[in-house]
């Protein structure tokens, strides 16, 4: 007798082995993607409008865990400074780092090291001169931060009379915001206005993490669906054979 190439459940034995491999690989990718994301990212809900229109009140963001030494100009960061808000994380945009001289405003624009900075992330009709302030030289290892909503943001400009002139220690930064995930606004754009002053930070691995999760889900679904589909196809084939006219070979 010839080798039996179909199993009782329908579908070839090779097909069933391949579907099992697809399910196993899919689970590895799916769970691995979630685990990687949990290690690299932290979720935050932003409770104030100080970062509108980039981040609105109640938006849910994913922030990559980073060290303060990895922060670059233009980054939106999460930090905790007890002189600003007691034991609560704050989300602001870094506009100057240690050694920079920052001021506002020249021709309605923020200046860093004498360069006028284009800030397309500001709301239209919200000129930068609303936060008019004199020159501040940022000490080494510290950051100067502003909200994208310049009218009401309690940022570095609200602390200019402090001993640190509104700057915060870079070590207080715990994460860098990579994306707004609810509502799904997507990845934050890199602020090219700071590019002439030095390298911008690179996006985190969020796209890769999401890709792994989606690919894993597709493989699990496809592999799991093979058995029922093959069984149904085999059933139709047997039904067709039973209705075949007698004498036909």
Protein backbone atom coordinates (compact mmCIF):
# COMPACT_ATOMS: atom_id res chain seq x y z
CA UNK A 1 0.00 0.00 0.00
CA UNK A 2 1.13 3.56 -0.67
CA UNK A 3 2.20 5.90 2.13
CA UNK A 4 -0.72 7.59 3.81
CA UNK A 5 -0.30 11.32 3.24
CA UNK A 6 -3.35 12.64 5.06
CA UNK A 7 -4.10 12.61 8.75
CA UNK A 8 -7.44 12.03 10.41
CA UNK A 9 -7.81 15.73 11.13
CA UNK A 10 -7.50 16.74 7.48
CA UNK A 11 -4.52 18.17 5.64
CA UNK A 12 -1.18 16.61 4.86
CA UNK A 13 1.19 15.68 7.65
CA UNK A 14 3.75 18.08 6.18
CA UNK A 15 1.18 20.87 6.22
CA UNK A 16 0.31 20.18 9.83
CA UNK A 17 3.96 20.23 10.84
CA UNK A 18 4.45 23.53 9.05
CA UNK A 19 1.36 25.01 10.71
CA UNK A 20 2.71 23.91 14.11
CA UNK A 21 6.04 25.59 13.36
CA UNK A 22 4.21 28.77 12.28
CA UNK A 23 2.21 28.84 15.54
CA UNK A 24 5.31 28.26 17.66
CA UNK A 25 7.32 30.91 15.84
CA UNK A 26 4.38 33.31 16.00
CA UNK A 27 4.10 32.88 19.76
CA UNK A 28 7.82 33.55 20.16
CA UNK A 29 7.61 36.76 18.09
CA UNK A 30 4.34 37.91 19.69
CA UNK A 31 5.38 37.33 23.31
CA UNK A 32 8.96 38.43 22.63
CA UNK A 33 7.73 41.71 21.15
CA UNK A 34 5.58 42.41 24.19
CA UNK A 35 8.41 41.50 26.56
CA UNK A 36 10.88 43.74 24.69
CA UNK A 37 8.41 46.61 24.71
CA UNK A 38 7.79 46.19 28.46
CA UNK A 39 11.50 46.36 29.16
CA UNK A 40 12.27 49.33 26.90
CA UNK A 41 9.12 51.47 27.25
CA UNK A 42 6.97 52.95 30.00
CA UNK A 43 3.42 54.25 29.50
CA UNK A 44 2.37 57.65 30.83
CA UNK A 45 -0.83 59.65 30.78
CA UNK A 46 -0.22 63.39 30.39
CA UNK A 47 -2.58 65.27 32.75
CA UNK A 48 -1.99 68.88 31.61
CA UNK A 49 -2.21 70.87 28.33
CA UNK A 50 1.37 72.18 28.60
CA UNK A 51 2.55 70.08 25.62
CA UNK A 52 -0.32 70.78 23.22
CA UNK A 53 -0.69 70.40 20.31
CA UNK A 54 2.02 67.69 20.35
CA UNK A 55 0.45 65.93 23.34
CA UNK A 56 -3.06 66.81 24.51
CA UNK A 57 -4.59 66.47 27.95
CA UNK A 58 -5.24 62.80 28.73
CA UNK A 59 -3.12 61.47 25.87
CA UNK A 60 -1.38 58.15 26.55
CA UNK A 61 2.28 58.11 25.51
CA UNK A 62 5.03 55.51 25.34
CA UNK A 63 8.39 56.74 26.58
CA UNK A 64 11.66 54.90 26.05
CA UNK A 65 13.70 54.39 29.20
CA UNK A 66 16.90 56.43 28.76
CA UNK A 67 19.71 57.86 30.81
CA UNK A 68 19.92 61.64 31.08
CA UNK A 69 23.24 61.59 29.22
CA UNK A 70 21.38 60.31 26.12
CA UNK A 71 19.10 63.35 25.93
CA UNK A 72 19.43 65.70 22.93
CA UNK A 73 17.97 69.08 22.04
CA UNK A 74 14.38 68.78 20.87
CA UNK A 75 13.61 65.62 22.84
CA UNK A 76 10.34 65.40 24.77
CA UNK A 77 11.35 63.86 28.08
CA UNK A 78 9.84 62.60 31.30
CA UNK A 79 11.62 63.72 34.47
CA UNK A 80 11.00 64.15 38.18
CA UNK A 81 12.25 67.23 40.01
CA UNK A 82 10.91 67.88 43.52
CA UNK A 83 11.49 71.62 43.14
CA UNK A 84 9.00 71.61 40.25
CA UNK A 85 6.35 69.05 41.24
CA UNK A 86 6.59 66.91 44.35
CA UNK A 87 7.09 63.22 43.45
CA UNK A 88 5.26 63.44 40.11
CA UNK A 89 6.71 62.95 36.61
CA UNK A 90 6.73 65.98 34.32
CA UNK A 91 6.74 65.98 30.49
CA UNK A 92 8.53 68.85 28.70
CA UNK A 93 10.70 69.51 25.64
CA UNK A 94 14.45 69.96 25.99
CA UNK A 95 15.50 73.13 24.15
CA UNK A 96 19.02 73.53 25.53
CA UNK A 97 21.65 71.29 27.12
CA UNK A 98 24.73 71.92 29.26
CA UNK A 99 26.94 74.68 27.84
CA UNK A 100 24.18 76.22 25.68
CA UNK A 101 22.96 79.79 25.94
CA UNK A 102 19.23 80.07 25.45
CA UNK A 103 17.00 83.15 25.23
CA UNK A 104 13.70 84.36 23.85
CA UNK A 105 12.97 86.02 21.63
CA UNK A 106 14.62 87.27 18.43
CA UNK A 107 12.24 87.95 15.53
CA UNK A 108 9.64 86.02 17.50
CA UNK A 109 11.84 82.90 17.74
CA UNK A 110 13.66 81.04 20.46
CA UNK A 111 17.45 81.34 20.16
CA UNK A 112 20.02 78.77 21.24
CA UNK A 113 23.69 79.74 20.98
CA UNK A 114 22.60 82.73 18.91
CA UNK A 115 20.73 80.58 16.35
CA UNK A 116 17.03 81.17 15.75
CA UNK A 117 15.17 77.89 16.13
CA UNK A 118 12.25 76.89 13.91
CA UNK A 119 9.62 75.21 16.07
CA UNK A 120 6.87 73.78 13.83
CA UNK A 121 5.47 71.81 16.78
CA UNK A 122 4.09 75.02 18.33
CA UNK A 123 0.41 75.76 17.83
CA UNK A 124 -0.29 78.09 14.93
CA UNK A 125 -0.81 81.63 16.16
CA UNK A 126 1.18 80.88 19.34
CA UNK A 127 4.37 82.94 18.94
CA UNK A 128 7.41 81.99 20.96
CA UNK A 129 7.75 85.50 22.41
CA UNK A 130 4.95 84.68 24.87
CA UNK A 131 7.74 83.10 26.94
CA UNK A 132 10.06 86.11 26.61
CA UNK A 133 13.04 85.66 28.95
CA UNK A 134 16.66 86.87 29.15
CA UNK A 135 19.72 84.80 28.28
CA UNK A 136 20.36 81.74 30.40
CA UNK A 137 23.61 79.78 30.19
CA UNK A 138 22.84 76.16 31.01
CA UNK A 139 25.37 74.61 33.43
CA UNK A 140 27.09 71.37 32.45
CA UNK A 141 24.96 68.30 33.13
CA UNK A 142 21.72 70.28 33.24
CA UNK A 143 18.81 70.92 30.84
CA UNK A 144 16.53 73.84 29.96
CA UNK A 145 12.97 72.71 29.18
CA UNK A 146 9.87 74.34 27.73
CA UNK A 147 6.31 73.24 27.09
CA UNK A 148 5.00 73.35 23.53
CA UNK A 149 2.05 75.37 24.84
CA UNK A 150 4.05 78.45 25.76
CA UNK A 151 1.28 80.46 27.41
CA UNK A 152 0.43 78.28 30.37
CA UNK A 153 3.30 75.82 30.73
CA UNK A 154 5.02 75.67 34.11
CA UNK A 155 8.43 75.03 32.63
CA UNK A 156 11.97 76.42 33.04
CA UNK A 157 10.69 79.96 32.51
CA UNK A 158 8.61 79.64 35.69
CA UNK A 159 11.75 78.85 37.71
CA UNK A 160 14.18 81.47 36.41
CA UNK A 161 14.54 83.01 39.86
CA UNK A 162 15.67 79.71 41.36
CA UNK A 163 19.36 79.16 42.03
CA UNK A 164 19.55 76.84 39.01
CA UNK A 165 17.96 79.48 36.69
CA UNK A 166 15.17 77.11 35.69
CA UNK A 167 17.45 74.26 34.66
CA UNK A 168 17.09 70.67 35.86
CA UNK A 169 19.71 68.02 36.39
CA UNK A 170 19.94 65.62 33.44
CA UNK A 171 19.98 62.72 35.92
CA UNK A 172 16.33 63.42 36.76
CA UNK A 173 15.29 62.29 33.26
CA UNK A 174 13.88 58.76 33.25
CA UNK A 175 12.44 58.43 29.74
CA UNK A 176 12.09 60.03 26.29
CA UNK A 177 8.64 60.13 24.67
CA UNK A 178 8.62 58.18 21.41
CA UNK A 179 4.94 58.10 20.45
CA UNK A 180 1.40 59.06 21.39
CA UNK A 181 -0.50 55.77 21.36
CA UNK A 182 -3.94 56.87 22.57
CA UNK A 183 -5.42 58.43 20.62
CA UNK A 184 -3.18 56.91 17.93
CA UNK A 185 -1.19 59.96 16.79
CA UNK A 186 1.90 57.85 16.10
CA UNK A 187 5.60 58.60 16.46
CA UNK A 188 6.76 62.07 17.45
CA UNK A 189 8.57 63.88 14.64
CA UNK A 190 12.22 64.79 15.20
CA UNK A 191 12.56 68.61 15.53
CA UNK A 192 14.92 69.49 12.68
CA UNK A 193 15.20 73.09 13.89
CA UNK A 194 17.89 71.93 16.35
CA UNK A 195 19.85 69.94 13.76
CA UNK A 196 22.44 72.65 13.08
CA UNK A 197 23.43 72.62 16.78
CA UNK A 198 24.27 68.92 16.92
CA UNK A 199 22.94 65.43 16.36
CA UNK A 200 19.32 64.68 17.15
CA UNK A 201 18.35 61.58 19.08
CA UNK A 202 17.34 58.53 17.09
CA UNK A 203 13.86 57.02 17.42
CA UNK A 204 13.58 54.05 19.75
CA UNK A 205 12.77 50.49 18.60
CA UNK A 206 8.99 50.97 18.85
CA UNK A 207 8.34 50.28 15.16
CA UNK A 208 10.37 47.06 15.38
CA UNK A 209 8.53 46.00 18.55
CA UNK A 210 5.14 46.59 16.90
CA UNK A 211 6.31 44.76 13.77
CA UNK A 212 7.28 41.70 15.82
CA UNK A 213 3.93 41.65 17.61
CA UNK A 214 1.95 42.00 14.37
CA UNK A 215 4.05 39.37 12.55
CA UNK A 216 3.66 36.99 15.49
CA UNK A 217 -0.11 37.46 15.56
CA UNK A 218 -0.36 36.80 11.81
CA UNK A 219 1.69 33.60 12.08
CA UNK A 220 -0.35 32.31 15.03
CA UNK A 221 -3.61 33.04 13.23
CA UNK A 222 -2.44 31.54 9.92
CA UNK A 223 -0.96 28.44 11.55
CA UNK A 224 -3.98 27.88 13.76
CA UNK A 225 -6.37 28.31 10.83
CA UNK A 226 -4.65 25.67 8.69
CA UNK A 227 -6.15 22.66 10.46
CA UNK A 228 -9.85 23.70 10.23
CA UNK A 229 -9.42 24.90 6.63
CA UNK A 230 -7.67 21.68 5.57
CA UNK A 231 -10.30 19.57 7.36
CA UNK A 232 -13.12 21.38 5.59
CA UNK A 233 -11.38 21.01 2.24
CA UNK A 234 -10.85 17.27 2.87
CA UNK A 235 -14.52 16.88 3.80
CA UNK A 236 -15.62 18.51 0.58
CA UNK A 237 -13.26 16.26 -1.37
CA UNK A 238 -14.69 13.09 0.24
CA UNK A 239 -18.26 14.30 -0.34
CA UNK A 240 -17.47 14.85 -4.00
CA UNK A 241 -16.00 11.37 -4.27
CA UNK A 242 -19.15 9.79 -2.80
CA UNK A 243 -21.36 11.47 -5.37
CA UNK A 244 -19.15 10.42 -8.30
CA UNK A 245 -21.18 8.42 -10.92
CA UNK A 246 -20.74 4.65 -10.77
CA UNK A 247 -18.45 3.16 -13.40
CA UNK A 248 -16.30 6.22 -13.75
CA UNK A 249 -12.63 5.44 -13.09
